[in-house]
């Protein structure tokens, strides 16, 4: 494939944008080479500025569960735009979207709409602290909750030590309010709560992690965390920015049958527009301004264009077979990749729930961040570029999820499996 125009645009972008991008993973640092620049998308396909077409499994990093430029979403946004792009005044669309979220997500009685997953996570943790009157937060190694200061941390020297910052610019005091532990390690959680339980405001977790690759919770793990947080009076906060409406219509909490105290949503809930949300019981949400003392505000929160896109997306997902088509497409693609890998003797491990999945170049199960980092990232990089040349766009990192949409049909599935067969044969 010719990537002349993408290379030229990347050179120009680096003159005015840091690293040439506005979010780090787009820069291809995890796989090498220069990123492609996209021109347009339709259904399951994207076209770059050189005219190359790819079956897309990034889908704007998850939001586009209906595919690119889904007609009902496009029309809803156009109608909203013609009426005005932003008011900073209440609109009915905010209420309608909130009602749809409450209808679909089992644990939510009231919602606050915001603009990004980072903002939703930051606000949810502030609310958890305000509700409990406690300071400490427990997070999981490898789970990502946006770039808020207090959660960009690594584990300290032991299970019950306080976190240390993973980025310059974060005061040590911020990170000191965060405790970290491995995913799928209930004993570590029990040790942390035994030592600090009376000061822990919440445990925040991706119930289905998607930012260290997709990791499956082992039987009893989420149930154990639910019991543990209840025992110590801490809140269990599910970050379902990725898994919301992808693990199931009701999110990972519906799929696994666990009810958290608070839920963070993003990506699909905005239908491809900048929108996120957090919600909980009416009792918890009552502590949020203007009803309660915990402050949070946003000029563009509940923006008419974003609420229109989100509502149109969730309504389309409720139609018979729409959600299932996306999940089945990803199942077939994963099976095809696995068959090609077995044929050539490459060890891989795959995980999938709903319409999000991951193929690790790793022998044996991947149960946590430490095991994910043992994957063969060099082999994944070669596979990524071979797939790109074969007309398939995967995440430019071993540690990201693949997503499918309801627009991924037999043509796209066949194209992807054939590209994977050739890519693995060439490794």
Protein backbone atom coordinates (compact mmCIF):
# COMPACT_ATOMS: atom_id res chain seq x y z
CA UNK A 1 0.00 0.00 0.00
CA UNK A 2 1.06 3.55 -0.68
CA UNK A 3 1.14 5.77 2.44
CA UNK A 4 2.75 8.85 0.89
CA UNK A 5 0.06 11.32 1.90
CA UNK A 6 -0.18 9.93 5.44
CA UNK A 7 3.57 10.29 5.87
CA UNK A 8 3.48 13.85 4.59
CA UNK A 9 0.59 14.77 6.89
CA UNK A 10 2.33 13.20 9.88
CA UNK A 11 5.47 15.25 9.19
CA UNK A 12 3.37 18.41 9.04
CA UNK A 13 1.39 17.47 12.14
CA UNK A 14 4.57 17.08 14.20
CA UNK A 15 5.39 20.72 13.49
CA UNK A 16 2.30 21.93 15.35
CA UNK A 17 1.00 19.01 17.46
CA UNK A 18 2.96 17.28 20.22
CA UNK A 19 4.15 14.04 18.68
CA UNK A 20 1.92 14.78 15.72
CA UNK A 21 -1.14 13.50 17.57
CA UNK A 22 -3.70 14.50 20.20
CA UNK A 23 -3.65 11.19 22.09
CA UNK A 24 -0.44 9.17 22.53
CA UNK A 25 -1.45 5.72 21.28
CA UNK A 26 -2.30 7.17 17.85
CA UNK A 27 1.39 7.82 17.23
CA UNK A 28 2.13 4.08 16.61
CA UNK A 29 4.84 4.02 19.30
CA UNK A 30 3.63 0.56 20.34
CA UNK A 31 4.12 -0.94 16.87
CA UNK A 32 6.61 1.35 15.12
CA UNK A 33 6.25 3.25 11.89
CA UNK A 34 4.08 6.24 11.08
CA UNK A 35 0.31 6.41 11.62
CA UNK A 36 -2.13 6.46 8.74
CA UNK A 37 -4.36 9.50 8.42
CA UNK A 38 -8.03 8.73 7.90
CA UNK A 39 -10.21 10.53 5.36
CA UNK A 40 -13.61 8.91 5.92
CA UNK A 41 -15.50 5.97 7.34
CA UNK A 42 -18.61 4.07 6.31
CA UNK A 43 -20.00 1.02 8.05
CA UNK A 44 -17.15 -1.30 9.03
CA UNK A 45 -14.63 0.38 6.70
CA UNK A 46 -12.32 3.39 6.87
CA UNK A 47 -10.46 5.01 3.99
CA UNK A 48 -7.15 6.79 4.50
CA UNK A 49 -5.89 9.89 2.72
CA UNK A 50 -4.01 7.74 0.19
CA UNK A 51 -7.22 5.94 -0.77
CA UNK A 52 -6.43 2.69 1.05
CA UNK A 53 -9.43 0.92 2.62
CA UNK A 54 -9.38 -1.06 5.87
CA UNK A 55 -11.86 -3.11 7.87
CA UNK A 56 -11.83 -1.18 11.15
CA UNK A 57 -11.57 -2.93 14.53
CA UNK A 58 -10.70 0.24 16.47
CA UNK A 59 -13.98 2.03 15.75
CA UNK A 60 -12.87 5.26 17.42
CA UNK A 61 -11.58 3.12 20.33
CA UNK A 62 -14.99 1.56 20.94
CA UNK A 63 -17.84 4.06 20.55
CA UNK A 64 -18.96 3.09 17.04
CA UNK A 65 -20.79 -0.14 17.83
CA UNK A 66 -23.11 0.52 14.86
CA UNK A 67 -20.23 1.30 12.50
CA UNK A 68 -19.11 4.56 10.93
CA UNK A 69 -21.68 7.13 9.80
CA UNK A 70 -24.67 5.04 10.87
CA UNK A 71 -27.60 6.75 9.12
CA UNK A 72 -29.89 7.17 12.14
CA UNK A 73 -27.05 8.67 14.20
CA UNK A 74 -26.00 11.01 11.39
CA UNK A 75 -29.58 12.18 10.94
CA UNK A 76 -30.10 12.71 14.68
CA UNK A 77 -26.95 14.86 14.89
CA UNK A 78 -27.89 16.87 11.79
CA UNK A 79 -31.37 17.58 13.19
CA UNK A 80 -29.84 18.67 16.50
CA UNK A 81 -27.22 20.83 14.76
CA UNK A 82 -29.83 22.67 12.74
CA UNK A 83 -31.56 23.59 16.00
CA UNK A 84 -28.33 24.85 17.61
CA UNK A 85 -25.05 23.25 18.63
CA UNK A 86 -24.90 24.28 22.28
CA UNK A 87 -26.94 26.26 24.79
CA UNK A 88 -25.69 25.72 28.33
CA UNK A 89 -29.42 25.55 29.12
CA UNK A 90 -31.38 22.32 29.77
CA UNK A 91 -32.79 20.44 26.79
CA UNK A 92 -35.20 17.51 26.67
CA UNK A 93 -32.60 15.31 24.97
CA UNK A 94 -30.58 15.19 28.20
CA UNK A 95 -33.55 13.74 30.06
CA UNK A 96 -34.33 11.25 27.30
CA UNK A 97 -30.75 9.96 27.21
CA UNK A 98 -30.64 9.73 31.02
CA UNK A 99 -33.85 7.68 31.03
CA UNK A 100 -32.45 5.32 28.41
CA UNK A 101 -29.26 4.80 30.43
CA UNK A 102 -31.27 4.10 33.58
CA UNK A 103 -33.45 1.65 31.66
CA UNK A 104 -30.47 -0.31 30.36
CA UNK A 105 -27.96 -0.25 33.24
CA UNK A 106 -29.23 -2.16 36.29
CA UNK A 107 -27.50 -0.21 39.07
CA UNK A 108 -28.29 3.36 38.01
CA UNK A 109 -31.21 5.45 39.30
CA UNK A 110 -29.85 8.92 38.52
CA UNK A 111 -27.23 10.15 36.06
CA UNK A 112 -24.89 13.08 35.49
CA UNK A 113 -23.75 13.65 31.91
CA UNK A 114 -20.22 14.92 31.23
CA UNK A 115 -17.87 15.15 28.24
CA UNK A 116 -15.23 12.42 28.59
CA UNK A 117 -14.43 9.22 30.41
CA UNK A 118 -11.66 10.95 32.32
CA UNK A 119 -14.09 13.60 33.54
CA UNK A 120 -16.64 10.97 34.53
CA UNK A 121 -14.07 8.95 36.49
CA UNK A 122 -12.67 12.04 38.23
CA UNK A 123 -16.16 13.17 39.21
CA UNK A 124 -17.31 9.72 40.34
CA UNK A 125 -14.33 9.34 42.66
CA UNK A 126 -14.92 12.81 44.10
CA UNK A 127 -18.53 11.84 44.74
CA UNK A 128 -17.47 8.56 46.37
CA UNK A 129 -15.17 10.47 48.70
CA UNK A 130 -17.85 13.03 49.46
CA UNK A 131 -20.47 10.37 50.12
CA UNK A 132 -18.28 8.23 52.40
CA UNK A 133 -16.23 10.98 54.04
CA UNK A 134 -13.07 8.95 53.32
CA UNK A 135 -9.95 9.71 51.27
CA UNK A 136 -8.32 6.50 50.01
CA UNK A 137 -9.05 4.93 46.63
CA UNK A 138 -8.14 1.40 45.58
CA UNK A 139 -7.39 0.75 41.91
CA UNK A 140 -6.19 -2.17 39.85
CA UNK A 141 -2.80 -2.37 38.12
CA UNK A 142 -3.38 -2.07 34.38
CA UNK A 143 -6.89 -0.67 34.63
CA UNK A 144 -7.14 2.81 33.14
CA UNK A 145 -9.60 5.45 34.32
CA UNK A 146 -8.43 8.43 32.30
CA UNK A 147 -5.50 10.72 32.98
CA UNK A 148 -6.59 12.11 36.34
CA UNK A 149 -3.66 12.71 38.69
CA UNK A 150 -4.68 10.44 41.54
CA UNK A 151 -5.05 7.33 39.36
CA UNK A 152 -1.93 7.53 37.19
CA UNK A 153 -0.03 5.43 39.70
CA UNK A 154 1.91 2.19 40.04
CA UNK A 155 2.02 -0.12 43.01
CA UNK A 156 4.48 0.62 45.76
CA UNK A 157 6.92 -1.93 47.15
CA UNK A 158 4.25 -4.10 48.74
CA UNK A 159 0.58 -4.90 48.51
CA UNK A 160 -0.52 -2.42 51.12
CA UNK A 161 1.83 0.43 50.28
CA UNK A 162 0.54 3.63 48.75
CA UNK A 163 0.89 4.39 45.07
CA UNK A 164 3.72 6.20 43.31
CA UNK A 165 3.15 8.54 40.32
CA UNK A 166 3.71 7.15 36.81
CA UNK A 167 3.95 10.58 35.17
CA UNK A 168 5.91 13.73 35.96
CA UNK A 169 3.66 16.56 37.04
CA UNK A 170 1.73 14.51 39.60
CA UNK A 171 2.43 15.48 43.22
CA UNK A 172 3.37 12.49 45.36
CA UNK A 173 0.60 13.50 47.76
CA UNK A 174 -2.04 12.82 45.10
CA UNK A 175 -0.75 9.34 44.42
CA UNK A 176 -0.42 8.66 48.13
CA UNK A 177 -4.19 8.55 48.37
CA UNK A 178 -4.32 5.62 45.95
CA UNK A 179 -3.73 1.96 46.80
CA UNK A 180 -3.00 -0.46 43.98
CA UNK A 181 -3.36 -4.21 43.60
CA UNK A 182 -3.25 -6.83 40.83
CA UNK A 183 -6.35 -7.86 38.91
CA UNK A 184 -7.81 -11.29 39.72
CA UNK A 185 -6.08 -11.36 43.14
CA UNK A 186 -8.74 -11.43 45.82
CA UNK A 187 -6.19 -12.17 48.56
CA UNK A 188 -4.42 -8.90 47.78
CA UNK A 189 -7.72 -7.05 48.04
CA UNK A 190 -8.46 -8.65 51.39
CA UNK A 191 -5.02 -7.63 52.68
CA UNK A 192 -5.47 -4.02 51.56
CA UNK A 193 -8.91 -3.70 53.12
CA UNK A 194 -7.77 -5.34 56.34
CA UNK A 195 -5.05 -2.70 56.66
CA UNK A 196 -6.90 0.38 55.38
CA UNK A 197 -10.59 -0.50 55.13
CA UNK A 198 -11.95 2.20 57.43
CA UNK A 199 -10.27 4.90 55.30
CA UNK A 200 -11.15 3.55 51.83
CA UNK A 201 -13.79 5.56 49.99
CA UNK A 202 -14.04 3.27 46.97
CA UNK A 203 -12.53 0.55 44.88
CA UNK A 204 -12.59 1.55 41.21
CA UNK A 205 -12.19 -1.19 38.61
CA UNK A 206 -12.82 -2.05 35.00
CA UNK A 207 -14.93 -5.17 35.63
CA UNK A 208 -13.86 -6.27 32.15
CA UNK A 209 -10.46 -4.62 31.64
CA UNK A 210 -9.75 -3.37 28.15
CA UNK A 211 -6.66 -1.23 28.65
CA UNK A 212 -4.16 -4.04 29.24
CA UNK A 213 -5.80 -6.07 26.54
CA UNK A 214 -9.09 -7.71 27.42
CA UNK A 215 -8.77 -9.69 30.67
CA UNK A 216 -11.50 -11.99 31.98
CA UNK A 217 -12.37 -11.98 35.69
CA UNK A 218 -11.83 -15.37 37.27
CA UNK A 219 -14.86 -17.07 38.87
CA UNK A 220 -15.71 -15.45 42.20
CA UNK A 221 -13.37 -12.46 41.79
CA UNK A 222 -15.93 -9.71 41.18
CA UNK A 223 -18.30 -11.33 43.68
CA UNK A 224 -15.50 -11.24 46.24
CA UNK A 225 -14.85 -7.55 45.63
CA UNK A 226 -18.55 -6.82 45.99
CA UNK A 227 -18.64 -8.59 49.36
CA UNK A 228 -15.40 -6.99 50.54
CA UNK A 229 -16.40 -3.41 49.76
CA UNK A 230 -19.79 -3.94 51.38
CA UNK A 231 -18.16 -5.34 54.50
CA UNK A 232 -15.96 -2.24 54.95
CA UNK A 233 -18.53 0.35 53.87
CA UNK A 234 -16.56 1.34 50.75
CA UNK A 235 -18.14 1.96 47.38
CA UNK A 236 -17.60 -0.43 44.48
CA UNK A 237 -17.20 1.70 41.34
CA UNK A 238 -17.35 -0.01 37.95
CA UNK A 239 -15.59 1.84 35.15
CA UNK A 240 -17.61 0.69 32.15
CA UNK A 241 -16.35 3.29 29.72
CA UNK A 242 -15.27 0.43 27.44
CA UNK A 243 -17.50 -2.45 28.54
CA UNK A 244 -20.70 -0.44 28.85
CA UNK A 245 -23.14 -1.58 26.12
CA UNK A 246 -20.44 -3.89 24.72
CA UNK A 247 -20.13 -6.71 27.26
CA UNK A 248 -23.95 -6.68 27.25
CA UNK A 249 -26.61 -4.03 26.75
CA UNK A 250 -26.46 -3.49 30.50
CA UNK A 251 -22.67 -3.60 30.56
CA UNK A 252 -20.30 -6.01 32.29
CA UNK A 253 -22.35 -5.67 35.47
CA UNK A 254 -25.32 -7.22 33.68
CA UNK A 255 -23.15 -9.86 31.99
CA UNK A 256 -21.50 -10.97 35.24
CA UNK A 257 -24.49 -10.32 37.50
CA UNK A 258 -22.73 -7.89 39.89
CA UNK A 259 -24.31 -4.63 41.02
CA UNK A 260 -21.80 -1.85 41.77
CA UNK A 261 -22.49 1.24 43.87
CA UNK A 262 -21.56 3.59 41.03
CA UNK A 263 -21.00 3.21 37.28
CA UNK A 264 -18.83 5.22 34.90
CA UNK A 265 -19.88 5.21 31.25
CA UNK A 266 -18.38 6.59 28.05
CA UNK A 267 -17.65 5.73 24.41
CA UNK A 268 -20.82 3.92 23.17
CA UNK A 269 -23.08 6.10 25.34
CA UNK A 270 -22.08 9.09 23.21
CA UNK A 271 -22.48 7.38 19.87
CA UNK A 272 -19.13 8.71 18.63
CA UNK A 273 -19.54 12.21 20.08
CA UNK A 274 -17.77 13.56 23.21
CA UNK A 275 -20.09 12.37 25.97
CA UNK A 276 -19.71 10.30 29.13
CA UNK A 277 -21.75 9.76 32.28
CA UNK A 278 -21.67 8.49 35.81
CA UNK A 279 -24.60 7.25 37.82
CA UNK A 280 -25.66 5.50 41.00
CA UNK A 281 -28.61 5.21 43.34
CA UNK A 282 -30.69 8.31 43.95
CA UNK A 283 -29.32 8.38 47.51
CA UNK A 284 -25.71 8.60 46.32
CA UNK A 285 -26.38 11.03 43.48
CA UNK A 286 -28.31 13.31 45.86
CA UNK A 287 -24.91 14.32 47.28
CA UNK A 288 -23.97 15.94 43.97
CA UNK A 289 -24.46 19.67 43.34
CA UNK A 290 -26.97 21.33 43.01
CA UNK A 291 -28.79 18.92 45.37
CA UNK A 292 -25.79 18.22 47.57
CA UNK A 293 -22.37 19.58 48.53
CA UNK A 294 -20.11 17.66 46.08
CA UNK A 295 -19.35 20.09 43.25
CA UNK A 296 -19.02 19.28 39.55
CA UNK A 297 -20.01 21.34 36.52
CA UNK A 298 -19.37 21.59 32.78
CA UNK A 299 -20.25 24.12 30.08
CA UNK A 300 -20.76 21.48 27.37
CA UNK A 301 -22.15 18.70 29.57
CA UNK A 302 -25.25 17.25 27.95
CA UNK A 303 -24.41 18.92 24.64
CA UNK A 304 -27.35 18.59 22.18
CA UNK A 305 -25.28 16.99 19.42
CA UNK A 306 -23.77 14.40 21.75
CA UNK A 307 -27.03 13.52 23.48
CA UNK A 308 -28.70 13.10 20.08
CA UNK A 309 -25.96 10.73 18.91
CA UNK A 310 -26.00 8.78 22.16
CA UNK A 311 -29.76 8.35 22.25
CA UNK A 312 -29.92 7.27 18.60
CA UNK A 313 -27.16 4.72 19.22
CA UNK A 314 -28.75 3.17 22.31
CA UNK A 315 -32.15 3.00 20.63
CA UNK A 316 -30.61 1.24 17.63
CA UNK A 317 -28.83 -1.24 19.91
CA UNK A 318 -32.19 -2.30 21.36
CA UNK A 319 -33.42 -3.47 17.97
CA UNK A 320 -33.44 -7.30 17.66
CA UNK A 321 -30.14 -8.79 16.56
CA UNK A 322 -28.10 -5.58 16.38
CA UNK A 323 -25.97 -6.21 19.48
CA UNK A 324 -25.65 -9.90 18.66
CA UNK A 325 -24.34 -9.25 15.13
CA UNK A 326 -21.38 -7.30 16.45
CA UNK A 327 -20.52 -9.96 19.03
CA UNK A 328 -20.85 -12.82 16.55
CA UNK A 329 -18.67 -11.07 13.97
CA UNK A 330 -15.89 -10.73 16.53
CA UNK A 331 -16.26 -14.37 17.57
CA UNK A 332 -15.80 -15.53 13.98
CA UNK A 333 -12.81 -13.27 13.41
CA UNK A 334 -11.15 -14.46 16.64
CA UNK A 335 -11.69 -18.09 15.65
CA UNK A 336 -10.12 -17.44 12.26
CA UNK A 337 -7.06 -15.80 13.80
CA UNK A 338 -6.70 -18.67 16.28
CA UNK A 339 -6.89 -21.27 13.52
CA UNK A 340 -4.22 -19.48 11.50
CA UNK A 341 -1.96 -19.23 14.55
CA UNK A 342 -2.36 -22.93 15.39
CA UNK A 343 -1.52 -23.87 11.83
CA UNK A 344 1.81 -22.06 12.08
CA UNK A 345 2.52 -23.01 15.69
CA UNK A 346 2.32 -19.52 17.15
CA UNK A 347 1.12 -19.42 20.78
CA UNK A 348 -1.75 -17.01 21.30
CA UNK A 349 -4.33 -16.41 24.01
CA UNK A 350 -7.70 -14.84 23.25
CA UNK A 351 -10.35 -13.27 25.45
CA UNK A 352 -13.77 -11.99 24.39
CA UNK A 353 -16.97 -10.79 26.00
CA UNK A 354 -19.67 -9.34 23.77
CA UNK A 355 -18.18 -7.17 21.03
CA UNK A 356 -14.76 -6.51 22.61
CA UNK A 357 -11.86 -8.94 22.46
CA UNK A 358 -8.08 -9.28 22.43
CA UNK A 359 -5.56 -11.66 20.87
CA UNK A 360 -2.37 -11.87 22.94
CA UNK A 361 0.80 -13.29 21.48
CA UNK A 362 1.30 -15.16 24.72
CA UNK A 363 1.37 -18.81 25.73
CA UNK A 364 -1.23 -19.63 28.34
CA UNK A 365 -3.88 -17.49 30.04
CA UNK A 366 -3.45 -13.77 30.66
CA UNK A 367 -5.00 -12.98 34.04
CA UNK A 368 -3.49 -9.63 35.04
CA UNK A 369 -1.26 -6.77 34.00
CA UNK A 370 2.01 -8.55 34.81
CA UNK A 371 1.09 -11.49 32.58
CA UNK A 372 -0.14 -9.17 29.82
CA UNK A 373 3.27 -7.45 29.73
CA UNK A 374 4.92 -10.82 29.09
CA UNK A 375 3.24 -10.97 25.67
CA UNK A 376 5.42 -10.91 22.56
CA UNK A 377 4.93 -7.26 21.60
CA UNK A 378 7.49 -7.46 18.77
CA UNK A 379 5.48 -10.23 17.12
CA UNK A 380 2.27 -8.27 17.61
CA UNK A 381 3.89 -5.25 15.91
CA UNK A 382 4.78 -7.37 12.87
CA UNK A 383 1.27 -8.83 12.83
CA UNK A 384 -0.25 -5.36 13.07
CA UNK A 385 1.67 -4.03 10.08
CA UNK A 386 0.97 -7.14 8.02
CA UNK A 387 -2.73 -6.77 8.76
CA UNK A 388 -2.56 -3.07 7.88
CA UNK A 389 -1.05 -3.94 4.51
CA UNK A 390 -3.81 -6.53 4.12
CA UNK A 391 -6.51 -3.92 4.60
CA UNK A 392 -7.36 -4.48 8.28
CA UNK A 393 -6.95 -1.77 10.92
CA UNK A 394 -6.24 -3.11 14.40
CA UNK A 395 -5.28 -1.20 17.54
CA UNK A 396 -1.63 -0.07 17.25
CA UNK A 397 -0.79 -1.69 20.59
CA UNK A 398 -0.86 -5.21 21.99
CA UNK A 399 -2.51 -3.86 25.13
CA UNK A 400 -5.72 -2.51 23.57
CA UNK A 401 -9.04 -4.14 22.77
CA UNK A 402 -10.45 -4.98 19.36
CA UNK A 403 -14.04 -3.92 18.72
CA UNK A 404 -16.59 -5.04 16.15
CA UNK A 405 -19.77 -3.34 15.02
CA UNK A 406 -23.12 -4.48 13.70
CA UNK A 407 -21.83 -3.42 10.27
CA UNK A 408 -19.18 -6.16 10.28
CA UNK A 409 -20.78 -8.76 8.03
CA UNK A 410 -19.67 -11.82 6.04
CA UNK A 411 -17.57 -9.76 3.60
CA UNK A 412 -15.64 -8.02 6.37
CA UNK A 413 -15.23 -11.22 8.38
CA UNK A 414 -13.91 -13.14 5.37
CA UNK A 415 -11.56 -10.32 4.40
CA UNK A 416 -10.17 -10.16 7.95
CA UNK A 417 -9.63 -13.91 8.32
CA UNK A 418 -7.85 -14.12 4.96
CA UNK A 419 -5.64 -11.16 5.88
CA UNK A 420 -4.84 -12.80 9.23
CA UNK A 421 -3.92 -16.09 7.56
CA UNK A 422 -1.46 -14.30 5.28
CA UNK A 423 -0.12 -12.08 8.08
CA UNK A 424 0.61 -14.99 10.41
CA UNK A 425 2.18 -17.00 7.58
CA UNK A 426 4.54 -14.08 6.97
CA UNK A 427 5.67 -13.68 10.59
